[in-house]
Amino acid sequence: HFAVTKTRMGMAMRAVSWDKFALPLMGIPLDRV
C-alpha cells in the first residue's frame, strides 16, 4: 500500500491504470512500469 500510494513508481502504476496511452507523452516508460 505504501509502495503504490507514496512512491514514484506507485504513482506511475496508478497513472497507467488511468490512461496508459498518455503515459509516454509524459516521459514515463510504460514497459518499465
PDB file of all heavy atoms in Angstrom:
ATOM      1  N   HIS A   1       0.832  -1.205   0.000  1.00  0.00           N
ATOM      2  CA  HIS A   1       0.000   0.000   0.000  1.00  0.00           C
ATOM      3  C   HIS A   1       0.867   1.256   0.000  1.00  0.00           C
ATOM      4  O   HIS A   1       0.580   2.237  -0.711  1.00  0.00           O
ATOM      5  CB  HIS A   1      -0.917  -0.014   1.219  1.00  0.00           C
ATOM      6  CG  HIS A   1      -1.958   1.063   1.208  1.00  0.00           C
ATOM      7  ND1 HIS A   1      -1.742   2.313   1.769  1.00  0.00           N
ATOM      8  CD2 HIS A   1      -3.217   1.108   0.693  1.00  0.00           C
ATOM      9  CE1 HIS A   1      -2.817   3.059   1.596  1.00  0.00           C
ATOM     10  NE2 HIS A   1      -3.716   2.360   0.947  1.00  0.00           N
ATOM     11  N   PHE A   2       1.949   1.232   0.766  1.00  0.00           N
ATOM     12  CA  PHE A   2       2.869   2.370   0.782  1.00  0.00           C
ATOM     13  C   PHE A   2       3.546   2.542  -0.574  1.00  0.00           C
ATOM     14  O   PHE A   2       3.675   3.664  -1.086  1.00  0.00           O
ATOM     15  CB  PHE A   2       3.924   2.167   1.872  1.00  0.00           C
ATOM     16  CG  PHE A   2       4.981   3.232   1.903  1.00  0.00           C
ATOM     17  CD1 PHE A   2       4.746   4.441   2.547  1.00  0.00           C
ATOM     18  CD2 PHE A   2       6.204   3.027   1.277  1.00  0.00           C
ATOM     19  CE1 PHE A   2       5.722   5.433   2.567  1.00  0.00           C
ATOM     20  CE2 PHE A   2       7.178   4.010   1.297  1.00  0.00           C
ATOM     21  CZ  PHE A   2       6.934   5.214   1.945  1.00  0.00           C
ATOM     22  N   ALA A   3       3.975   1.413  -1.176  1.00  0.00           N
ATOM     23  CA  ALA A   3       4.665   1.496  -2.466  1.00  0.00           C
ATOM     24  C   ALA A   3       3.760   2.054  -3.555  1.00  0.00           C
ATOM     25  O   ALA A   3       4.202   2.817  -4.420  1.00  0.00           O
ATOM     26  CB  ALA A   3       5.184   0.113  -2.861  1.00  0.00           C
ATOM     27  N   VAL A   4       2.484   1.691  -3.533  1.00  0.00           N
ATOM     28  CA  VAL A   4       1.558   2.127  -4.580  1.00  0.00           C
ATOM     29  C   VAL A   4       1.125   3.573  -4.380  1.00  0.00           C
ATOM     30  O   VAL A   4       0.936   4.318  -5.345  1.00  0.00           O
ATOM     31  CB  VAL A   4       0.339   1.182  -4.636  1.00  0.00           C
ATOM     32  CG1 VAL A   4      -0.733   1.731  -5.567  1.00  0.00           C
ATOM     33  CG2 VAL A   4       0.766  -0.204  -5.098  1.00  0.00           C
ATOM     34  N   THR A   5       0.978   4.002  -3.151  1.00  0.00           N
ATOM     35  CA  THR A   5       0.415   5.329  -2.878  1.00  0.00           C
ATOM     36  C   THR A   5       1.457   6.408  -2.595  1.00  0.00           C
ATOM     37  O   THR A   5       1.161   7.590  -2.763  1.00  0.00           O
ATOM     38  CB  THR A   5      -0.540   5.257  -1.677  1.00  0.00           C
ATOM     39  OG1 THR A   5       0.170   4.770  -0.523  1.00  0.00           O
ATOM     40  CG2 THR A   5      -1.708   4.335  -1.976  1.00  0.00           C
ATOM     41  N   LYS A   6       2.684   6.026  -2.208  1.00  0.00           N
ATOM     42  CA  LYS A   6       3.641   7.027  -1.747  1.00  0.00           C
ATOM     43  C   LYS A   6       4.921   7.115  -2.566  1.00  0.00           C
ATOM     44  O   LYS A   6       5.725   8.015  -2.329  1.00  0.00           O
ATOM     45  CB  LYS A   6       4.025   6.757  -0.284  1.00  0.00           C
ATOM     46  CG  LYS A   6       2.843   6.750   0.688  1.00  0.00           C
ATOM     47  CD  LYS A   6       2.143   8.099   0.765  1.00  0.00           C
ATOM     48  CE  LYS A   6       1.021   8.072   1.788  1.00  0.00           C
ATOM     49  NZ  LYS A   6       0.308   9.382   1.862  1.00  0.00           N
ATOM     50  N   THR A   7       5.159   6.202  -3.488  1.00  0.00           N
ATOM     51  CA  THR A   7       6.401   6.215  -4.252  1.00  0.00           C
ATOM     52  C   THR A   7       6.151   6.665  -5.683  1.00  0.00           C
ATOM     53  O   THR A   7       5.018   6.668  -6.167  1.00  0.00           O
ATOM     54  CB  THR A   7       7.046   4.814  -4.261  1.00  0.00           C
ATOM     55  OG1 THR A   7       6.185   3.901  -4.946  1.00  0.00           O
ATOM     56  CG2 THR A   7       7.273   4.310  -2.843  1.00  0.00           C
ATOM     57  N   ARG A   8       7.224   7.035  -6.371  1.00  0.00           N
ATOM     58  CA  ARG A   8       7.104   7.492  -7.758  1.00  0.00           C
ATOM     59  C   ARG A   8       6.672   6.363  -8.676  1.00  0.00           C
ATOM     60  O   ARG A   8       5.862   6.573  -9.588  1.00  0.00           O
ATOM     61  CB  ARG A   8       8.446   8.054  -8.229  1.00  0.00           C
ATOM     62  CG  ARG A   8       8.879   9.321  -7.499  1.00  0.00           C
ATOM     63  CD  ARG A   8      10.146   9.885  -8.077  1.00  0.00           C
ATOM     64  NE  ARG A   8       9.974  10.300  -9.459  1.00  0.00           N
ATOM     65  CZ  ARG A   8      10.956  10.784 -10.216  1.00  0.00           C
ATOM     66  NH1 ARG A   8      12.185  10.899  -9.723  1.00  0.00           N
ATOM     67  NH2 ARG A   8      10.725  11.137 -11.457  1.00  0.00           N
ATOM     68  N   MET A   9       7.201   5.160  -8.439  1.00  0.00           N
ATOM     69  CA  MET A   9       6.778   4.031  -9.267  1.00  0.00           C
ATOM     70  C   MET A   9       5.322   3.702  -9.019  1.00  0.00           C
ATOM     71  O   MET A   9       4.577   3.354  -9.951  1.00  0.00           O
ATOM     72  CB  MET A   9       7.657   2.810  -8.975  1.00  0.00           C
ATOM     73  CG  MET A   9       7.335   1.597  -9.841  1.00  0.00           C
ATOM     74  SD  MET A   9       7.491   1.910 -11.621  1.00  0.00           S
ATOM     75  CE  MET A   9       9.281   1.948 -11.792  1.00  0.00           C
ATOM     76  N   GLY A  10       4.880   3.806  -7.775  1.00  0.00           N
ATOM     77  CA  GLY A  10       3.472   3.580  -7.484  1.00  0.00           C
ATOM     78  C   GLY A  10       2.583   4.606  -8.155  1.00  0.00           C
ATOM     79  O   GLY A  10       1.497   4.275  -8.662  1.00  0.00           O
ATOM     80  N   MET A  11       3.051   5.853  -8.202  1.00  0.00           N
ATOM     81  CA  MET A  11       2.293   6.888  -8.911  1.00  0.00           C
ATOM     82  C   MET A  11       2.227   6.584 -10.407  1.00  0.00           C
ATOM     83  O   MET A  11       1.186   6.779 -11.050  1.00  0.00           O
ATOM     84  CB  MET A  11       2.946   8.255  -8.680  1.00  0.00           C
ATOM     85  CG  MET A  11       2.175   9.423  -9.270  1.00  0.00           C
ATOM     86  SD  MET A  11       3.019  11.006  -8.989  1.00  0.00           S
ATOM     87  CE  MET A  11       3.033  11.068  -7.192  1.00  0.00           C
ATOM     88  N   ALA A  12       3.332   6.064 -10.949  1.00  0.00           N
ATOM     89  CA  ALA A  12       3.336   5.698 -12.369  1.00  0.00           C
ATOM     90  C   ALA A  12       2.385   4.527 -12.626  1.00  0.00           C
ATOM     91  O   ALA A  12       1.695   4.488 -13.656  1.00  0.00           O
ATOM     92  CB  ALA A  12       4.755   5.328 -12.796  1.00  0.00           C
ATOM     93  N   MET A  13       2.323   3.573 -11.700  1.00  0.00           N
ATOM     94  CA  MET A  13       1.394   2.447 -11.856  1.00  0.00           C
ATOM     95  C   MET A  13      -0.045   2.933 -11.856  1.00  0.00           C
ATOM     96  O   MET A  13      -0.873   2.483 -12.659  1.00  0.00           O
ATOM     97  CB  MET A  13       1.615   1.443 -10.721  1.00  0.00           C
ATOM     98  CG  MET A  13       2.943   0.714 -10.791  1.00  0.00           C
ATOM     99  SD  MET A  13       3.367  -0.160  -9.267  1.00  0.00           S
ATOM    100  CE  MET A  13       2.040  -1.359  -9.188  1.00  0.00           C
ATOM    101  N   ARG A  14      -0.363   3.873 -10.986  1.00  0.00           N
ATOM    102  CA  ARG A  14      -1.730   4.405 -10.959  1.00  0.00           C
ATOM    103  C   ARG A  14      -2.009   5.223 -12.217  1.00  0.00           C
ATOM    104  O   ARG A  14      -3.147   5.242 -12.706  1.00  0.00           O
ATOM    105  CB  ARG A  14      -1.926   5.253  -9.703  1.00  0.00           C
ATOM    106  CG  ARG A  14      -2.029   4.403  -8.433  1.00  0.00           C
ATOM    107  CD  ARG A  14      -2.299   5.228  -7.202  1.00  0.00           C
ATOM    108  NE  ARG A  14      -1.099   5.928  -6.760  1.00  0.00           N
ATOM    109  CZ  ARG A  14      -1.049   7.214  -6.456  1.00  0.00           C
ATOM    110  NH1 ARG A  14      -2.129   7.967  -6.584  1.00  0.00           N
ATOM    111  NH2 ARG A  14       0.073   7.766  -6.039  1.00  0.00           N
ATOM    112  N   ALA A  15      -0.984   5.861 -12.754  1.00  0.00           N
ATOM    113  CA  ALA A  15      -1.168   6.623 -13.993  1.00  0.00           C
ATOM    114  C   ALA A  15      -1.443   5.685 -15.167  1.00  0.00           C
ATOM    115  O   ALA A  15      -2.255   5.995 -16.046  1.00  0.00           O
ATOM    116  CB  ALA A  15       0.069   7.474 -14.275  1.00  0.00           C
ATOM    117  N   VAL A  16      -0.773   4.532 -15.199  1.00  0.00           N
ATOM    118  CA  VAL A  16      -1.021   3.558 -16.270  1.00  0.00           C
ATOM    119  C   VAL A  16      -2.463   3.079 -16.222  1.00  0.00           C
ATOM    120  O   VAL A  16      -3.135   2.943 -17.247  1.00  0.00           O
ATOM    121  CB  VAL A  16      -0.049   2.366 -16.136  1.00  0.00           C
ATOM    122  CG1 VAL A  16      -0.419   1.266 -17.128  1.00  0.00           C
ATOM    123  CG2 VAL A  16       1.372   2.816 -16.393  1.00  0.00           C
ATOM    124  N   SER A  17      -2.954   2.807 -15.014  1.00  0.00           N
ATOM    125  CA  SER A  17      -4.340   2.339 -14.894  1.00  0.00           C
ATOM    126  C   SER A  17      -5.332   3.412 -15.328  1.00  0.00           C
ATOM    127  O   SER A  17      -6.439   3.098 -15.782  1.00  0.00           O
ATOM    128  CB  SER A  17      -4.624   1.922 -13.443  1.00  0.00           C
ATOM    129  OG  SER A  17      -4.575   3.048 -12.574  1.00  0.00           O
ATOM    130  N   TRP A  18      -4.946   4.692 -15.226  1.00  0.00           N
ATOM    131  CA  TRP A  18      -5.847   5.773 -15.605  1.00  0.00           C
ATOM    132  C   TRP A  18      -5.855   5.998 -17.109  1.00  0.00           C
ATOM    133  O   TRP A  18      -6.912   6.080 -17.736  1.00  0.00           O
ATOM    134  CB  TRP A  18      -5.456   7.048 -14.866  1.00  0.00           C
ATOM    135  CG  TRP A  18      -6.357   8.200 -15.158  1.00  0.00           C
ATOM    136  CD1 TRP A  18      -6.108   9.259 -15.977  1.00  0.00           C
ATOM    137  CD2 TRP A  18      -7.680   8.407 -14.657  1.00  0.00           C
ATOM    138  NE1 TRP A  18      -7.163  10.121 -16.014  1.00  0.00           N
ATOM    139  CE2 TRP A  18      -8.159   9.621 -15.202  1.00  0.00           C
ATOM    140  CE3 TRP A  18      -8.501   7.691 -13.791  1.00  0.00           C
ATOM    141  CZ2 TRP A  18      -9.418  10.117 -14.920  1.00  0.00           C
ATOM    142  CZ3 TRP A  18      -9.755   8.194 -13.511  1.00  0.00           C
ATOM    143  CH2 TRP A  18     -10.202   9.386 -14.072  1.00  0.00           C
ATOM    144  N   ASP A  19      -4.669   6.087 -17.704  1.00  0.00           N
ATOM    145  CA  ASP A  19      -4.594   6.324 -19.156  1.00  0.00           C
ATOM    146  C   ASP A  19      -3.193   5.939 -19.628  1.00  0.00           C
ATOM    147  O   ASP A  19      -2.263   6.755 -19.592  1.00  0.00           O
ATOM    148  CB  ASP A  19      -4.877   7.794 -19.480  1.00  0.00           C
ATOM    149  CG  ASP A  19      -5.071   8.022 -20.977  1.00  0.00           C
ATOM    150  OD1 ASP A  19      -4.720   7.131 -21.760  1.00  0.00           O
ATOM    151  OD2 ASP A  19      -5.575   9.098 -21.348  1.00  0.00           O
ATOM    152  N   LYS A  20      -3.039   4.691 -20.064  1.00  0.00           N
ATOM    153  CA  LYS A  20      -1.709   4.220 -20.443  1.00  0.00           C
ATOM    154  C   LYS A  20      -1.249   4.798 -21.777  1.00  0.00           C
ATOM    155  O   LYS A  20      -0.053   4.790 -22.073  1.00  0.00           O
ATOM    156  CB  LYS A  20      -1.691   2.691 -20.507  1.00  0.00           C
ATOM    157  CG  LYS A  20      -2.524   2.086 -21.624  1.00  0.00           C
ATOM    158  CD  LYS A  20      -2.381   0.571 -21.623  1.00  0.00           C
ATOM    159  CE  LYS A  20      -3.174  -0.066 -22.761  1.00  0.00           C
ATOM    160  NZ  LYS A  20      -3.026  -1.540 -22.776  1.00  0.00           N
ATOM    161  N   PHE A  21      -2.166   5.309 -22.585  1.00  0.00           N
ATOM    162  CA  PHE A  21      -1.774   5.865 -23.878  1.00  0.00           C
ATOM    163  C   PHE A  21      -1.136   7.251 -23.727  1.00  0.00           C
ATOM    164  O   PHE A  21      -0.298   7.637 -24.529  1.00  0.00           O
ATOM    165  CB  PHE A  21      -2.980   5.944 -24.806  1.00  0.00           C
ATOM    166  CG  PHE A  21      -3.591   4.604 -25.104  1.00  0.00           C
ATOM    167  CD1 PHE A  21      -4.783   4.227 -24.515  1.00  0.00           C
ATOM    168  CD2 PHE A  21      -2.963   3.726 -25.960  1.00  0.00           C
ATOM    169  CE1 PHE A  21      -5.352   2.988 -24.781  1.00  0.00           C
ATOM    170  CE2 PHE A  21      -3.514   2.481 -26.241  1.00  0.00           C
ATOM    171  CZ  PHE A  21      -4.701   2.108 -25.644  1.00  0.00           C
ATOM    172  N   ALA A  22      -1.532   7.994 -22.710  1.00  0.00           N
ATOM    173  CA  ALA A  22      -0.952   9.320 -22.492  1.00  0.00           C
ATOM    174  C   ALA A  22       0.344   9.264 -21.705  1.00  0.00           C
ATOM    175  O   ALA A  22       1.067  10.258 -21.632  1.00  0.00           O
ATOM    176  CB  ALA A  22      -1.956  10.212 -21.755  1.00  0.00           C
ATOM    177  N   LEU A  23       0.654   8.095 -21.128  1.00  0.00           N
ATOM    178  CA  LEU A  23       1.818   7.994 -20.252  1.00  0.00           C
ATOM    179  C   LEU A  23       3.139   8.272 -20.963  1.00  0.00           C
ATOM    180  O   LEU A  23       3.970   9.039 -20.450  1.00  0.00           O
ATOM    181  CB  LEU A  23       1.838   6.600 -19.606  1.00  0.00           C
ATOM    182  CG  LEU A  23       2.483   6.514 -18.228  1.00  0.00           C
ATOM    183  CD1 LEU A  23       1.691   7.306 -17.219  1.00  0.00           C
ATOM    184  CD2 LEU A  23       2.609   5.072 -17.785  1.00  0.00           C
ATOM    185  N   PRO A  24       3.390   7.697 -22.174  1.00  0.00           N
ATOM    186  CA  PRO A  24       4.658   8.005 -22.842  1.00  0.00           C
ATOM    187  C   PRO A  24       4.826   9.481 -23.167  1.00  0.00           C
ATOM    188  O   PRO A  24       5.958   9.984 -23.228  1.00  0.00           O
ATOM    189  CB  PRO A  24       4.590   7.157 -24.122  1.00  0.00           C
ATOM    190  CG  PRO A  24       3.630   6.056 -23.801  1.00  0.00           C
ATOM    191  CD  PRO A  24       2.616   6.682 -22.895  1.00  0.00           C
ATOM    192  N   LEU A  25       3.718  10.193 -23.371  1.00  0.00           N
ATOM    193  CA  LEU A  25       3.813  11.631 -23.657  1.00  0.00           C
ATOM    194  C   LEU A  25       4.298  12.418 -22.451  1.00  0.00           C
ATOM    195  O   LEU A  25       4.783  13.532 -22.599  1.00  0.00           O
ATOM    196  CB  LEU A  25       2.436  12.150 -24.088  1.00  0.00           C
ATOM    197  CG  LEU A  25       1.811  11.471 -25.313  1.00  0.00           C
ATOM    198  CD1 LEU A  25       0.423  12.037 -25.571  1.00  0.00           C
ATOM    199  CD2 LEU A  25       2.719  11.638 -26.527  1.00  0.00           C
ATOM    200  N   MET A  26       4.169  11.826 -21.269  1.00  0.00           N
ATOM    201  CA  MET A  26       4.622  12.476 -20.043  1.00  0.00           C
ATOM    202  C   MET A  26       6.028  12.041 -19.641  1.00  0.00           C
ATOM    203  O   MET A  26       6.513  12.407 -18.574  1.00  0.00           O
ATOM    204  CB  MET A  26       3.642  12.160 -18.910  1.00  0.00           C
ATOM    205  CG  MET A  26       2.206  12.571 -19.215  1.00  0.00           C
ATOM    206  SD  MET A  26       1.022  11.921 -18.032  1.00  0.00           S
ATOM    207  CE  MET A  26       1.563  12.743 -16.534  1.00  0.00           C
ATOM    208  N   GLY A  27       6.674  11.218 -20.483  1.00  0.00           N
ATOM    209  CA  GLY A  27       8.041  10.792 -20.209  1.00  0.00           C
ATOM    210  C   GLY A  27       8.156   9.618 -19.264  1.00  0.00           C
ATOM    211  O   GLY A  27       9.240   9.348 -18.739  1.00  0.00           O
ATOM    212  N   ILE A  28       7.078   8.892 -19.042  1.00  0.00           N
ATOM    213  CA  ILE A  28       7.100   7.742 -18.139  1.00  0.00           C
ATOM    214  C   ILE A  28       7.236   6.480 -18.978  1.00  0.00           C
ATOM    215  O   ILE A  28       6.428   6.247 -19.879  1.00  0.00           O
ATOM    216  CB  ILE A  28       5.819   7.683 -17.281  1.00  0.00           C
ATOM    217  CG1 ILE A  28       5.694   8.951 -16.441  1.00  0.00           C
ATOM    218  CG2 ILE A  28       5.823   6.451 -16.388  1.00  0.00           C
ATOM    219  CD1 ILE A  28       4.416   9.028 -15.632  1.00  0.00           C
ATOM    220  N   PRO A  29       8.268   5.644 -18.726  1.00  0.00           N
ATOM    221  CA  PRO A  29       8.459   4.430 -19.534  1.00  0.00           C
ATOM    222  C   PRO A  29       7.392   3.392 -19.200  1.00  0.00           C
ATOM    223  O   PRO A  29       7.385   2.796 -18.124  1.00  0.00           O
ATOM    224  CB  PRO A  29       9.855   3.952 -19.129  1.00  0.00           C
ATOM    225  CG  PRO A  29      10.077   4.531 -17.768  1.00  0.00           C
ATOM    226  CD  PRO A  29       9.317   5.829 -17.714  1.00  0.00           C
ATOM    227  N   LEU A  30       6.491   3.157 -20.143  1.00  0.00           N
ATOM    228  CA  LEU A  30       5.370   2.254 -19.910  1.00  0.00           C
ATOM    229  C   LEU A  30       5.834   0.829 -19.661  1.00  0.00           C
ATOM    230  O   LEU A  30       5.354   0.162 -18.730  1.00  0.00           O
ATOM    231  CB  LEU A  30       4.414   2.301 -21.105  1.00  0.00           C
ATOM    232  CG  LEU A  30       3.198   1.377 -21.051  1.00  0.00           C
ATOM    233  CD1 LEU A  30       2.325   1.709 -19.863  1.00  0.00           C
ATOM    234  CD2 LEU A  30       2.404   1.481 -22.349  1.00  0.00           C
ATOM    235  N   ASP A  31       6.784   0.342 -20.475  1.00  0.00           N
ATOM    236  CA  ASP A  31       7.227  -1.049 -20.330  1.00  0.00           C
ATOM    237  C   ASP A  31       7.866  -1.289 -18.967  1.00  0.00           C
ATOM    238  O   ASP A  31       7.687  -2.357 -18.365  1.00  0.00           O
ATOM    239  CB  ASP A  31       8.218  -1.403 -21.438  1.00  0.00           C
ATOM    240  CG  ASP A  31       7.534  -1.534 -22.791  1.00  0.00           C
ATOM    241  OD1 ASP A  31       6.299  -1.703 -22.815  1.00  0.00           O
ATOM    242  OD2 ASP A  31       8.232  -1.445 -23.814  1.00  0.00           O
ATOM    243  N   ARG A  32       8.606  -0.300 -18.478  1.00  0.00           N
ATOM    244  CA  ARG A  32       9.254  -0.470 -17.178  1.00  0.00           C
ATOM    245  C   ARG A  32       8.230  -0.579 -16.058  1.00  0.00           C
ATOM    246  O   ARG A  32       8.383  -1.381 -15.134  1.00  0.00           O
ATOM    247  CB  ARG A  32      10.193   0.707 -16.907  1.00  0.00           C
ATOM    248  CG  ARG A  32      11.049   0.542 -15.667  1.00  0.00           C
ATOM    249  CD  ARG A  32      11.922   1.764 -15.442  1.00  0.00           C
ATOM    250  NE  ARG A  32      12.776   2.012 -16.603  1.00  0.00           N
ATOM    251  CZ  ARG A  32      13.574   3.068 -16.700  1.00  0.00           C
ATOM    252  NH1 ARG A  32      13.594   3.981 -15.743  1.00  0.00           N
ATOM    253  NH2 ARG A  32      14.319   3.227 -17.773  1.00  0.00           N
ATOM    254  N   VAL A  33       7.169   0.187 -16.156  1.00  0.00           N
ATOM    255  CA  VAL A  33       6.116   0.127 -15.141  1.00  0.00           C
ATOM    256  C   VAL A  33       5.410  -1.223 -15.175  1.00  0.00           C
ATOM    257  O   VAL A  33       5.128  -1.831 -14.138  1.00  0.00           O
ATOM    258  CB  VAL A  33       5.105   1.271 -15.349  1.00  0.00           C
ATOM    259  CG1 VAL A  33       3.965   1.166 -14.345  1.00  0.00           C
ATOM    260  CG2 VAL A  33       5.796   2.621 -15.221  1.00  0.00           C
TER     261      VAL A  33
END
